[in-house]
């Protein structure tokens, strides 16, 4: 009986220790994967020098991974990219027709 309790205790302890690492590993993998996919998607349309910053995060509001891209010629504007059905799509900004001229890098293939 003692041996069985020790095995159960050891197993539960290891699960408690390993689960957070597995979750963090999954999050880091997803972030890295999305960032690389968005970067490859952008390089189909832009030069590497056009991209100022790429930041991928897990959004707390929707629990989705999102990549925010800042372009060198528009440093005050962030464009949001997401993965939908294994395709990269621009999620925001979503300006109305009157404001479209304010954005240089809108992707109309959303």
PDB file of N, CA and C in Angstrom:
ATOM      1  N   UNK A   1       0.821  -1.192   0.000  1.00  0.00           N
ATOM      2  CA  UNK A   1       0.000   0.000   0.000  1.00  0.00           C
ATOM      3  C   UNK A   1       0.866   1.258   0.000  1.00  0.00           C
ATOM      4  N   UNK A   2       1.960   1.224   0.788  1.00  0.00           N
ATOM      5  CA  UNK A   2       2.858   2.366   0.833  1.00  0.00           C
ATOM      6  C   UNK A   2       3.506   2.605  -0.523  1.00  0.00           C
ATOM      7  N   UNK A   3       3.851   1.520  -1.189  1.00  0.00           N
ATOM      8  CA  UNK A   3       4.502   1.625  -2.487  1.00  0.00           C
ATOM      9  C   UNK A   3       3.554   2.257  -3.512  1.00  0.00           C
ATOM     10  N   UNK A   4       2.297   1.851  -3.489  1.00  0.00           N
ATOM     11  CA  UNK A   4       1.303   2.397  -4.414  1.00  0.00           C
ATOM     12  C   UNK A   4       1.081   3.887  -4.145  1.00  0.00           C
ATOM     13  N   UNK A   5       1.006   4.273  -2.885  1.00  0.00           N
ATOM     14  CA  UNK A   5       0.833   5.680  -2.521  1.00  0.00           C
ATOM     15  C   UNK A   5       2.039   6.503  -2.965  1.00  0.00           C
ATOM     16  N   UNK A   6       3.224   5.946  -2.816  1.00  0.00           N
ATOM     17  CA  UNK A   6       4.443   6.636  -3.228  1.00  0.00           C
ATOM     18  C   UNK A   6       4.467   6.836  -4.744  1.00  0.00           C
ATOM     19  N   UNK A   7       4.040   5.826  -5.489  1.00  0.00           N
ATOM     20  CA  UNK A   7       3.990   5.939  -6.948  1.00  0.00           C
ATOM     21  C   UNK A   7       2.988   7.011  -7.367  1.00  0.00           C
ATOM     22  N   UNK A   8       1.828   7.020  -6.756  1.00  0.00           N
ATOM     23  CA  UNK A   8       0.807   8.024  -7.074  1.00  0.00           C
ATOM     24  C   UNK A   8       1.308   9.416  -6.715  1.00  0.00           C
ATOM     25  N   UNK A   9       1.890   9.566  -5.544  1.00  0.00           N
ATOM     26  CA  UNK A   9       2.420  10.858  -5.104  1.00  0.00           C
ATOM     27  C   UNK A   9       3.508  11.354  -6.062  1.00  0.00           C
ATOM     28  N   UNK A  10       4.409  10.465  -6.439  1.00  0.00           N
ATOM     29  CA  UNK A  10       5.494  10.837  -7.350  1.00  0.00           C
ATOM     30  C   UNK A  10       4.946  11.242  -8.714  1.00  0.00           C
ATOM     31  N   UNK A  11       3.992  10.490  -9.226  1.00  0.00           N
ATOM     32  CA  UNK A  11       3.393  10.797 -10.523  1.00  0.00           C
ATOM     33  C   UNK A  11       2.693  12.151 -10.499  1.00  0.00           C
ATOM     34  N   UNK A  12       1.901  12.399  -9.479  1.00  0.00           N
ATOM     35  CA  UNK A  12       1.186  13.673  -9.358  1.00  0.00           C
ATOM     36  C   UNK A  12       2.177  14.824  -9.226  1.00  0.00           C
ATOM     37  N   UNK A  13       3.213  14.632  -8.437  1.00  0.00           N
ATOM     38  CA  UNK A  13       4.222  15.678  -8.260  1.00  0.00           C
ATOM     39  C   UNK A  13       4.889  16.016  -9.591  1.00  0.00           C
ATOM     40  N   UNK A  14       5.277  15.000 -10.348  1.00  0.00           N
ATOM     41  CA  UNK A  14       5.901  15.240 -11.644  1.00  0.00           C
ATOM     42  C   UNK A  14       4.942  15.925 -12.610  1.00  0.00           C
ATOM     43  N   UNK A  15       3.680  15.559 -12.584  1.00  0.00           N
ATOM     44  CA  UNK A  15       2.700  16.219 -13.451  1.00  0.00           C
ATOM     45  C   UNK A  15       2.550  17.692 -13.088  1.00  0.00           C
ATOM     46  N   UNK A  16       2.532  17.975 -11.802  1.00  0.00           N
ATOM     47  CA  UNK A  16       2.424  19.365 -11.350  1.00  0.00           C
ATOM     48  C   UNK A  16       3.645  20.164 -11.789  1.00  0.00           C
ATOM     49  N   UNK A  17       4.794  19.535 -11.770  1.00  0.00           N
ATOM     50  CA  UNK A  17       6.020  20.223 -12.169  1.00  0.00           C
ATOM     51  C   UNK A  17       6.103  20.365 -13.690  1.00  0.00           C
ATOM     52  N   UNK A  18       5.757  19.330 -14.436  1.00  0.00           N
ATOM     53  CA  UNK A  18       5.950  19.326 -15.883  1.00  0.00           C
ATOM     54  C   UNK A  18       4.866  20.058 -16.669  1.00  0.00           C
ATOM     55  N   UNK A  19       3.641  20.088 -16.180  1.00  0.00           N
ATOM     56  CA  UNK A  19       2.545  20.723 -16.928  1.00  0.00           C
ATOM     57  C   UNK A  19       2.814  22.194 -17.251  1.00  0.00           C
ATOM     58  N   UNK A  20       3.258  23.007 -16.299  1.00  0.00           N
ATOM     59  CA  UNK A  20       3.544  24.406 -16.654  1.00  0.00           C
ATOM     60  C   UNK A  20       4.613  24.538 -17.740  1.00  0.00           C
ATOM     61  N   UNK A  21       5.638  23.683 -17.688  1.00  0.00           N
ATOM     62  CA  UNK A  21       6.673  23.732 -18.712  1.00  0.00           C
ATOM     63  C   UNK A  21       6.120  23.331 -20.075  1.00  0.00           C
ATOM     64  N   UNK A  22       5.239  22.363 -20.104  1.00  0.00           N
ATOM     65  CA  UNK A  22       4.623  21.943 -21.362  1.00  0.00           C
ATOM     66  C   UNK A  22       3.758  23.065 -21.935  1.00  0.00           C
ATOM     67  N   UNK A  23       3.011  23.731 -21.089  1.00  0.00           N
ATOM     68  CA  UNK A  23       2.164  24.839 -21.537  1.00  0.00           C
ATOM     69  C   UNK A  23       3.018  25.987 -22.058  1.00  0.00           C
ATOM     70  N   UNK A  24       4.061  26.349 -21.322  1.00  0.00           N
ATOM     71  CA  UNK A  24       4.956  27.418 -21.772  1.00  0.00           C
ATOM     72  C   UNK A  24       5.646  27.046 -23.081  1.00  0.00           C
ATOM     73  N   UNK A  25       6.031  25.798 -23.218  1.00  0.00           N
ATOM     74  CA  UNK A  25       6.648  25.341 -24.457  1.00  0.00           C
ATOM     75  C   UNK A  25       5.695  25.454 -25.630  1.00  0.00           C
ATOM     76  N   UNK A  26       4.441  25.090 -25.416  1.00  0.00           N
ATOM     77  CA  UNK A  26       3.429  25.196 -26.466  1.00  0.00           C
ATOM     78  C   UNK A  26       3.215  26.652 -26.871  1.00  0.00           C
ATOM     79  N   UNK A  27       3.103  27.534 -25.887  1.00  0.00           N
ATOM     80  CA  UNK A  27       2.900  28.959 -26.166  1.00  0.00           C
ATOM     81  C   UNK A  27       4.079  29.520 -26.950  1.00  0.00           C
ATOM     82  N   UNK A  28       5.287  29.222 -26.513  1.00  0.00           N
ATOM     83  CA  UNK A  28       6.471  29.724 -27.214  1.00  0.00           C
ATOM     84  C   UNK A  28       6.560  29.178 -28.635  1.00  0.00           C
ATOM     85  N   UNK A  29       6.216  27.911 -28.807  1.00  0.00           N
ATOM     86  CA  UNK A  29       6.226  27.324 -30.152  1.00  0.00           C
ATOM     87  C   UNK A  29       5.220  28.032 -31.062  1.00  0.00           C
ATOM     88  N   UNK A  30       4.003  28.244 -30.572  1.00  0.00           N
ATOM     89  CA  UNK A  30       2.967  28.894 -31.378  1.00  0.00           C
ATOM     90  C   UNK A  30       3.362  30.327 -31.741  1.00  0.00           C
ATOM     91  N   UNK A  31       3.925  31.045 -30.770  1.00  0.00           N
ATOM     92  CA  UNK A  31       4.360  32.418 -31.039  1.00  0.00           C
ATOM     93  C   UNK A  31       5.454  32.442 -32.101  1.00  0.00           C
ATOM     94  N   UNK A  32       6.436  31.585 -31.946  1.00  0.00           N
ATOM     95  CA  UNK A  32       7.556  31.536 -32.886  1.00  0.00           C
ATOM     96  C   UNK A  32       7.076  31.123 -34.280  1.00  0.00           C
ATOM     97  N   UNK A  33       6.192  30.144 -34.343  1.00  0.00           N
ATOM     98  CA  UNK A  33       5.660  29.663 -35.610  1.00  0.00           C
ATOM     99  C   UNK A  33       4.876  30.759 -36.333  1.00  0.00           C
ATOM    100  N   UNK A  34       4.005  31.457 -35.615  1.00  0.00           N
ATOM    101  CA  UNK A  34       3.208  32.519 -36.229  1.00  0.00           C
ATOM    102  C   UNK A  34       4.101  33.663 -36.687  1.00  0.00           C
ATOM    103  N   UNK A  35       5.065  34.039 -35.873  1.00  0.00           N
ATOM    104  CA  UNK A  35       5.972  35.127 -36.243  1.00  0.00           C
ATOM    105  C   UNK A  35       6.715  34.785 -37.536  1.00  0.00           C
ATOM    106  N   UNK A  36       7.218  33.567 -37.639  1.00  0.00           N
ATOM    107  CA  UNK A  36       7.924  33.148 -38.854  1.00  0.00           C
ATOM    108  C   UNK A  36       6.998  33.111 -40.062  1.00  0.00           C
ATOM    109  N   UNK A  37       5.772  32.643 -39.874  1.00  0.00           N
ATOM    110  CA  UNK A  37       4.817  32.574 -40.984  1.00  0.00           C
ATOM    111  C   UNK A  37       4.407  33.966 -41.458  1.00  0.00           C
ATOM    112  N   UNK A  38       4.190  34.879 -40.520  1.00  0.00           N
ATOM    113  CA  UNK A  38       3.844  36.256 -40.892  1.00  0.00           C
ATOM    114  C   UNK A  38       5.019  36.908 -41.616  1.00  0.00           C
ATOM    115  N   UNK A  39       6.215  36.685 -41.120  1.00  0.00           N
ATOM    116  CA  UNK A  39       7.407  37.251 -41.754  1.00  0.00           C
ATOM    117  C   UNK A  39       7.542  36.741 -43.193  1.00  0.00           C
ATOM    118  N   UNK A  40       7.356  35.459 -43.396  1.00  0.00           N
ATOM    119  CA  UNK A  40       7.421  34.891 -44.745  1.00  0.00           C
ATOM    120  C   UNK A  40       6.317  35.471 -45.630  1.00  0.00           C
ATOM    121  N   UNK A  41       5.128  35.642 -45.077  1.00  0.00           N
ATOM    122  CA  UNK A  41       4.005  36.232 -45.811  1.00  0.00           C
ATOM    123  C   UNK A  41       4.339  37.661 -46.233  1.00  0.00           C
ATOM    124  N   UNK A  42       4.910  38.433 -45.315  1.00  0.00           N
ATOM    125  CA  UNK A  42       5.248  39.822 -45.616  1.00  0.00           C
ATOM    126  C   UNK A  42       6.349  39.924 -46.669  1.00  0.00           C
ATOM    127  N   UNK A  43       7.296  39.003 -46.639  1.00  0.00           N
ATOM    128  CA  UNK A  43       8.396  39.050 -47.608  1.00  0.00           C
ATOM    129  C   UNK A  43       7.934  38.751 -49.032  1.00  0.00           C
ATOM    130  N   UNK A  44       6.723  38.216 -49.187  1.00  0.00           N
ATOM    131  CA  UNK A  44       6.161  38.037 -50.526  1.00  0.00           C
ATOM    132  C   UNK A  44       5.757  39.376 -51.133  1.00  0.00           C
ATOM    133  N   UNK A  45       5.504  40.387 -50.282  1.00  0.00           N
ATOM    134  CA  UNK A  45       5.010  41.680 -50.751  1.00  0.00           C
ATOM    135  C   UNK A  45       5.972  42.831 -50.481  1.00  0.00           C
ATOM    136  N   UNK A  46       6.816  42.674 -49.482  1.00  0.00           N
ATOM    137  CA  UNK A  46       7.679  43.770 -49.048  1.00  0.00           C
ATOM    138  C   UNK A  46       9.129  43.322 -48.980  1.00  0.00           C
ATOM    139  N   UNK A  47      10.004  44.310 -48.952  1.00  0.00           N
ATOM    140  CA  UNK A  47      11.419  44.048 -48.724  1.00  0.00           C
ATOM    141  C   UNK A  47      11.660  43.939 -47.223  1.00  0.00           C
ATOM    142  N   UNK A  48      12.711  43.250 -46.853  1.00  0.00           N
ATOM    143  CA  UNK A  48      13.046  43.087 -45.436  1.00  0.00           C
ATOM    144  C   UNK A  48      13.239  44.440 -44.751  1.00  0.00           C
ATOM    145  N   UNK A  49      13.804  45.405 -45.474  1.00  0.00           N
ATOM    146  CA  UNK A  49      14.052  46.736 -44.904  1.00  0.00           C
ATOM    147  C   UNK A  49      12.771  47.526 -44.656  1.00  0.00           C
ATOM    148  N   UNK A  50      11.666  47.137 -45.285  1.00  0.00           N
ATOM    149  CA  UNK A  50      10.391  47.835 -45.088  1.00  0.00           C
ATOM    150  C   UNK A  50       9.787  47.548 -43.720  1.00  0.00           C
ATOM    151  N   UNK A  51      10.191  46.447 -43.113  1.00  0.00           N
ATOM    152  CA  UNK A  51       9.607  46.004 -41.845  1.00  0.00           C
ATOM    153  C   UNK A  51      10.455  46.521 -40.693  1.00  0.00           C
ATOM    154  N   UNK A  52       9.839  47.282 -39.816  1.00  0.00           N
ATOM    155  CA  UNK A  52      10.552  47.839 -38.672  1.00  0.00           C
ATOM    156  C   UNK A  52      10.540  46.885 -37.487  1.00  0.00           C
ATOM    157  N   UNK A  53       9.359  46.303 -37.192  1.00  0.00           N
ATOM    158  CA  UNK A  53       9.235  45.455 -36.003  1.00  0.00           C
ATOM    159  C   UNK A  53       8.126  44.426 -36.198  1.00  0.00           C
ATOM    160  N   UNK A  54       8.356  43.244 -35.662  1.00  0.00           N
ATOM    161  CA  UNK A  54       7.340  42.189 -35.634  1.00  0.00           C
ATOM    162  C   UNK A  54       7.279  41.667 -34.207  1.00  0.00           C
ATOM    163  N   UNK A  55       6.081  41.709 -33.623  1.00  0.00           N
ATOM    164  CA  UNK A  55       5.909  41.260 -32.244  1.00  0.00           C
ATOM    165  C   UNK A  55       4.699  40.334 -32.174  1.00  0.00           C
ATOM    166  N   UNK A  56       4.913  39.129 -31.709  1.00  0.00           N
ATOM    167  CA  UNK A  56       3.827  38.155 -31.599  1.00  0.00           C
ATOM    168  C   UNK A  56       3.484  37.943 -30.136  1.00  0.00           C
ATOM    169  N   UNK A  57       2.189  37.886 -29.854  1.00  0.00           N
ATOM    170  CA  UNK A  57       1.743  37.749 -28.475  1.00  0.00           C
ATOM    171  C   UNK A  57       0.467  36.919 -28.410  1.00  0.00           C
ATOM    172  N   UNK A  58       0.178  36.440 -27.231  1.00  0.00           N
ATOM    173  CA  UNK A  58      -1.088  35.766 -26.966  1.00  0.00           C
ATOM    174  C   UNK A  58      -2.018  36.817 -26.390  1.00  0.00           C
ATOM    175  N   UNK A  59      -3.071  37.159 -27.126  1.00  0.00           N
ATOM    176  CA  UNK A  59      -3.973  38.201 -26.652  1.00  0.00           C
ATOM    177  C   UNK A  59      -4.841  37.663 -25.525  1.00  0.00           C
ATOM    178  N   UNK A  60      -4.977  38.447 -24.495  1.00  0.00           N
ATOM    179  CA  UNK A  60      -5.729  38.020 -23.317  1.00  0.00           C
ATOM    180  C   UNK A  60      -7.234  38.072 -23.548  1.00  0.00           C
ATOM    181  N   UNK A  61      -7.671  38.975 -24.405  1.00  0.00           N
ATOM    182  CA  UNK A  61      -9.105  39.124 -24.631  1.00  0.00           C
ATOM    183  C   UNK A  61      -9.695  37.929 -25.376  1.00  0.00           C
ATOM    184  N   UNK A  62      -8.954  37.416 -26.357  1.00  0.00           N
ATOM    185  CA  UNK A  62      -9.515  36.339 -27.177  1.00  0.00           C
ATOM    186  C   UNK A  62      -8.739  35.029 -27.083  1.00  0.00           C
ATOM    187  N   UNK A  63      -7.610  35.040 -26.390  1.00  0.00           N
ATOM    188  CA  UNK A  63      -6.750  33.863 -26.278  1.00  0.00           C
ATOM    189  C   UNK A  63      -6.331  33.335 -27.645  1.00  0.00           C
ATOM    190  N   UNK A  64      -6.037  34.252 -28.558  1.00  0.00           N
ATOM    191  CA  UNK A  64      -5.501  33.908 -29.866  1.00  0.00           C
ATOM    192  C   UNK A  64      -4.105  34.491 -29.980  1.00  0.00           C
ATOM    193  N   UNK A  65      -3.296  33.866 -30.798  1.00  0.00           N
ATOM    194  CA  UNK A  65      -1.969  34.398 -31.062  1.00  0.00           C
ATOM    195  C   UNK A  65      -2.087  35.431 -32.173  1.00  0.00           C
ATOM    196  N   UNK A  66      -1.472  36.571 -31.959  1.00  0.00           N
ATOM    197  CA  UNK A  66      -1.553  37.683 -32.884  1.00  0.00           C
ATOM    198  C   UNK A  66      -0.163  38.248 -33.104  1.00  0.00           C
ATOM    199  N   UNK A  67       0.105  38.649 -34.334  1.00  0.00           N
ATOM    200  CA  UNK A  67       1.372  39.297 -34.647  1.00  0.00           C
ATOM    201  C   UNK A  67       1.094  40.736 -35.040  1.00  0.00           C
ATOM    202  N   UNK A  68       1.798  41.650 -34.392  1.00  0.00           N
ATOM    203  CA  UNK A  68       1.690  43.070 -34.704  1.00  0.00           C
ATOM    204  C   UNK A  68       2.929  43.476 -35.487  1.00  0.00           C
ATOM    205  N   UNK A  69       2.699  44.111 -36.632  1.00  0.00           N
ATOM    206  CA  UNK A  69       3.794  44.509 -37.513  1.00  0.00           C
ATOM    207  C   UNK A  69       3.808  46.024 -37.629  1.00  0.00           C
ATOM    208  N   UNK A  70       4.995  46.586 -37.510  1.00  0.00           N
ATOM    209  CA  UNK A  70       5.203  48.011 -37.722  1.00  0.00           C
ATOM    210  C   UNK A  70       6.112  48.160 -38.932  1.00  0.00           C
ATOM    211  N   UNK A  71       5.695  48.984 -39.869  1.00  0.00           N
ATOM    212  CA  UNK A  71       6.492  49.221 -41.066  1.00  0.00           C
ATOM    213  C   UNK A  71       7.335  50.477 -40.882  1.00  0.00           C
ATOM    214  N   UNK A  72       8.486  50.485 -41.525  1.00  0.00           N
ATOM    215  CA  UNK A  72       9.446  51.574 -41.367  1.00  0.00           C
ATOM    216  C   UNK A  72       8.858  52.918 -41.809  1.00  0.00           C
ATOM    217  N   UNK A  73       8.057  52.930 -42.863  1.00  0.00           N
ATOM    218  CA  UNK A  73       7.504  54.195 -43.351  1.00  0.00           C
ATOM    219  C   UNK A  73       6.222  54.609 -42.628  1.00  0.00           C
ATOM    220  N   UNK A  74       5.796  53.821 -41.662  1.00  0.00           N
ATOM    221  CA  UNK A  74       4.600  54.121 -40.868  1.00  0.00           C
ATOM    222  C   UNK A  74       4.845  53.687 -39.421  1.00  0.00           C
ATOM    223  N   UNK A  75       5.816  54.292 -38.745  1.00  0.00           N
ATOM    224  CA  UNK A  75       6.222  53.798 -37.422  1.00  0.00           C
ATOM    225  C   UNK A  75       5.177  53.963 -36.318  1.00  0.00           C
ATOM    226  N   UNK A  76       4.168  54.786 -36.547  1.00  0.00           N
ATOM    227  CA  UNK A  76       3.149  55.002 -35.515  1.00  0.00           C
ATOM    228  C   UNK A  76       1.932  54.102 -35.684  1.00  0.00           C
ATOM    229  N   UNK A  77       1.945  53.262 -36.702  1.00  0.00           N
ATOM    230  CA  UNK A  77       0.790  52.404 -36.978  1.00  0.00           C
ATOM    231  C   UNK A  77       1.178  50.936 -36.842  1.00  0.00           C
ATOM    232  N   UNK A  78       0.351  50.165 -36.141  1.00  0.00           N
ATOM    233  CA  UNK A  78       0.570  48.722 -36.024  1.00  0.00           C
ATOM    234  C   UNK A  78      -0.501  47.997 -36.834  1.00  0.00           C
ATOM    235  N   UNK A  79      -0.053  47.013 -37.596  1.00  0.00           N
ATOM    236  CA  UNK A  79      -0.949  46.167 -38.370  1.00  0.00           C
ATOM    237  C   UNK A  79      -0.992  44.803 -37.699  1.00  0.00           C
ATOM    238  N   UNK A  80      -2.181  44.282 -37.541  1.00  0.00           N
ATOM    239  CA  UNK A  80      -2.369  43.006 -36.844  1.00  0.00           C
ATOM    240  C   UNK A  80      -2.564  41.883 -37.860  1.00  0.00           C
ATOM    241  N   UNK A  81      -1.809  40.796 -37.673  1.00  0.00           N
ATOM    242  CA  UNK A  81      -1.918  39.621 -38.536  1.00  0.00           C
ATOM    243  C   UNK A  81      -2.242  38.403 -37.678  1.00  0.00           C
ATOM    244  N   UNK A  82      -3.112  37.550 -38.214  1.00  0.00           N
ATOM    245  CA  UNK A  82      -3.511  36.332 -37.510  1.00  0.00           C
ATOM    246  C   UNK A  82      -3.467  35.160 -38.490  1.00  0.00           C
ATOM    247  N   UNK A  83      -3.539  33.958 -37.948  1.00  0.00           N
ATOM    248  CA  UNK A  83      -3.623  32.752 -38.778  1.00  0.00           C
ATOM    249  C   UNK A  83      -5.065  32.257 -38.721  1.00  0.00           C
ATOM    250  N   UNK A  84      -5.682  32.128 -39.902  1.00  0.00           N
ATOM    251  CA  UNK A  84      -7.052  31.628 -40.013  1.00  0.00           C
ATOM    252  C   UNK A  84      -7.038  30.503 -41.039  1.00  0.00           C
ATOM    253  N   UNK A  85      -7.446  29.321 -40.628  1.00  0.00           N
ATOM    254  CA  UNK A  85      -7.465  28.160 -41.524  1.00  0.00           C
ATOM    255  C   UNK A  85      -6.117  27.971 -42.223  1.00  0.00           C
ATOM    256  N   UNK A  86      -5.055  28.066 -41.459  1.00  0.00           N
ATOM    257  CA  UNK A  86      -3.675  27.862 -41.925  1.00  0.00           C
ATOM    258  C   UNK A  86      -3.194  28.931 -42.897  1.00  0.00           C
ATOM    259  N   UNK A  87      -3.915  30.041 -43.009  1.00  0.00           N
ATOM    260  CA  UNK A  87      -3.509  31.153 -43.867  1.00  0.00           C
ATOM    261  C   UNK A  87      -3.286  32.389 -43.013  1.00  0.00           C
ATOM    262  N   UNK A  88      -2.313  33.194 -43.406  1.00  0.00           N
ATOM    263  CA  UNK A  88      -2.044  34.444 -42.705  1.00  0.00           C
ATOM    264  C   UNK A  88      -2.943  35.517 -43.292  1.00  0.00           C
ATOM    265  N   UNK A  89      -3.585  36.266 -42.405  1.00  0.00           N
ATOM    266  CA  UNK A  89      -4.482  37.342 -42.832  1.00  0.00           C
ATOM    267  C   UNK A  89      -4.267  38.568 -41.965  1.00  0.00           C
ATOM    268  N   UNK A  90      -4.493  39.707 -42.572  1.00  0.00           N
ATOM    269  CA  UNK A  90      -4.421  40.958 -41.819  1.00  0.00           C
ATOM    270  C   UNK A  90      -5.759  41.160 -41.119  1.00  0.00           C
ATOM    271  N   UNK A  91      -5.711  41.323 -39.809  1.00  0.00           N
ATOM    272  CA  UNK A  91      -6.938  41.458 -39.027  1.00  0.00           C
ATOM    273  C   UNK A  91      -7.300  42.915 -38.769  1.00  0.00           C
ATOM    274  N   UNK A  92      -6.321  43.756 -38.648  1.00  0.00           N
ATOM    275  CA  UNK A  92      -6.584  45.170 -38.421  1.00  0.00           C
ATOM    276  C   UNK A  92      -5.398  45.970 -38.923  1.00  0.00           C
ATOM    277  N   UNK A  93      -5.580  47.219 -39.204  1.00  0.00           N
ATOM    278  CA  UNK A  93      -6.742  48.052 -38.944  1.00  0.00           C
ATOM    279  C   UNK A  93      -7.865  47.779 -39.946  1.00  0.00           C
ATOM    280  N   UNK A  94      -9.049  48.189 -39.561  1.00  0.00           N
ATOM    281  CA  UNK A  94     -10.231  48.057 -40.407  1.00  0.00           C
ATOM    282  C   UNK A  94     -10.855  49.433 -40.634  1.00  0.00           C
ATOM    283  N   UNK A  95     -10.197  50.270 -41.415  1.00  0.00           N
ATOM    284  CA  UNK A  95     -10.732  51.622 -41.610  1.00  0.00           C
ATOM    285  C   UNK A  95     -11.934  51.617 -42.548  1.00  0.00           C
ATOM    286  N   UNK A  96     -12.743  52.651 -42.415  1.00  0.00           N
ATOM    287  CA  UNK A  96     -13.832  52.801 -43.378  1.00  0.00           C
ATOM    288  C   UNK A  96     -13.240  53.395 -44.662  1.00  0.00           C
ATOM    289  N   UNK A  97     -14.049  53.530 -45.682  1.00  0.00           N
ATOM    290  CA  UNK A  97     -13.555  53.988 -46.986  1.00  0.00           C
ATOM    291  C   UNK A  97     -12.923  55.371 -46.916  1.00  0.00           C
ATOM    292  N   UNK A  98     -13.425  56.219 -46.045  1.00  0.00           N
ATOM    293  CA  UNK A  98     -12.889  57.574 -45.931  1.00  0.00           C
ATOM    294  C   UNK A  98     -11.509  57.600 -45.282  1.00  0.00           C
ATOM    295  N   UNK A  99     -11.193  56.583 -44.488  1.00  0.00           N
ATOM    296  CA  UNK A  99      -9.913  56.555 -43.781  1.00  0.00           C
ATOM    297  C   UNK A  99      -8.863  55.672 -44.452  1.00  0.00           C
ATOM    298  N   UNK A 100      -9.234  54.936 -45.482  1.00  0.00           N
ATOM    299  CA  UNK A 100      -8.300  54.002 -46.117  1.00  0.00           C
ATOM    300  C   UNK A 100      -7.035  54.674 -46.611  1.00  0.00           C
ATOM    301  N   UNK A 101      -7.150  55.904 -47.065  1.00  0.00           N
ATOM    302  CA  UNK A 101      -5.977  56.600 -47.602  1.00  0.00           C
ATOM    303  C   UNK A 101      -4.930  56.908 -46.524  1.00  0.00           C
ATOM    304  N   UNK A 102      -5.295  56.794 -45.270  1.00  0.00           N
ATOM    305  CA  UNK A 102      -4.362  57.062 -44.171  1.00  0.00           C
ATOM    306  C   UNK A 102      -3.405  55.896 -43.919  1.00  0.00           C
ATOM    307  N   UNK A 103      -3.685  54.742 -44.474  1.00  0.00           N
ATOM    308  CA  UNK A 103      -2.888  53.537 -44.232  1.00  0.00           C
ATOM    309  C   UNK A 103      -2.201  53.094 -45.523  1.00  0.00           C
ATOM    310  N   UNK A 104      -0.915  52.851 -45.436  1.00  0.00           N
ATOM    311  CA  UNK A 104      -0.131  52.499 -46.620  1.00  0.00           C
ATOM    312  C   UNK A 104      -0.058  50.996 -46.870  1.00  0.00           C
ATOM    313  N   UNK A 105      -0.334  50.195 -45.870  1.00  0.00           N
ATOM    314  CA  UNK A 105      -0.092  48.756 -45.988  1.00  0.00           C
ATOM    315  C   UNK A 105      -1.336  47.911 -45.731  1.00  0.00           C
ATOM    316  N   UNK A 106      -2.482  48.400 -46.156  1.00  0.00           N
ATOM    317  CA  UNK A 106      -3.707  47.616 -45.992  1.00  0.00           C
ATOM    318  C   UNK A 106      -3.686  46.426 -46.939  1.00  0.00           C
ATOM    319  N   UNK A 107      -4.125  45.309 -46.434  1.00  0.00           N
ATOM    320  CA  UNK A 107      -4.193  44.077 -47.215  1.00  0.00           C
ATOM    321  C   UNK A 107      -5.663  43.803 -47.488  1.00  0.00           C
ATOM    322  N   UNK A 108      -6.068  43.953 -48.722  1.00  0.00           N
ATOM    323  CA  UNK A 108      -7.483  43.804 -49.056  1.00  0.00           C
ATOM    324  C   UNK A 108      -7.879  42.359 -49.323  1.00  0.00           C
ATOM    325  N   UNK A 109      -6.959  41.428 -49.124  1.00  0.00           N
ATOM    326  CA  UNK A 109      -7.260  40.001 -49.293  1.00  0.00           C
ATOM    327  C   UNK A 109      -7.667  39.374 -47.973  1.00  0.00           C
ATOM    328  N   UNK A 110      -8.310  40.120 -47.136  1.00  0.00           N
ATOM    329  CA  UNK A 110      -8.687  39.625 -45.813  1.00  0.00           C
ATOM    330  C   UNK A 110      -9.761  38.647 -45.991  1.00  0.00           C
TER     331      UNK A 110
END
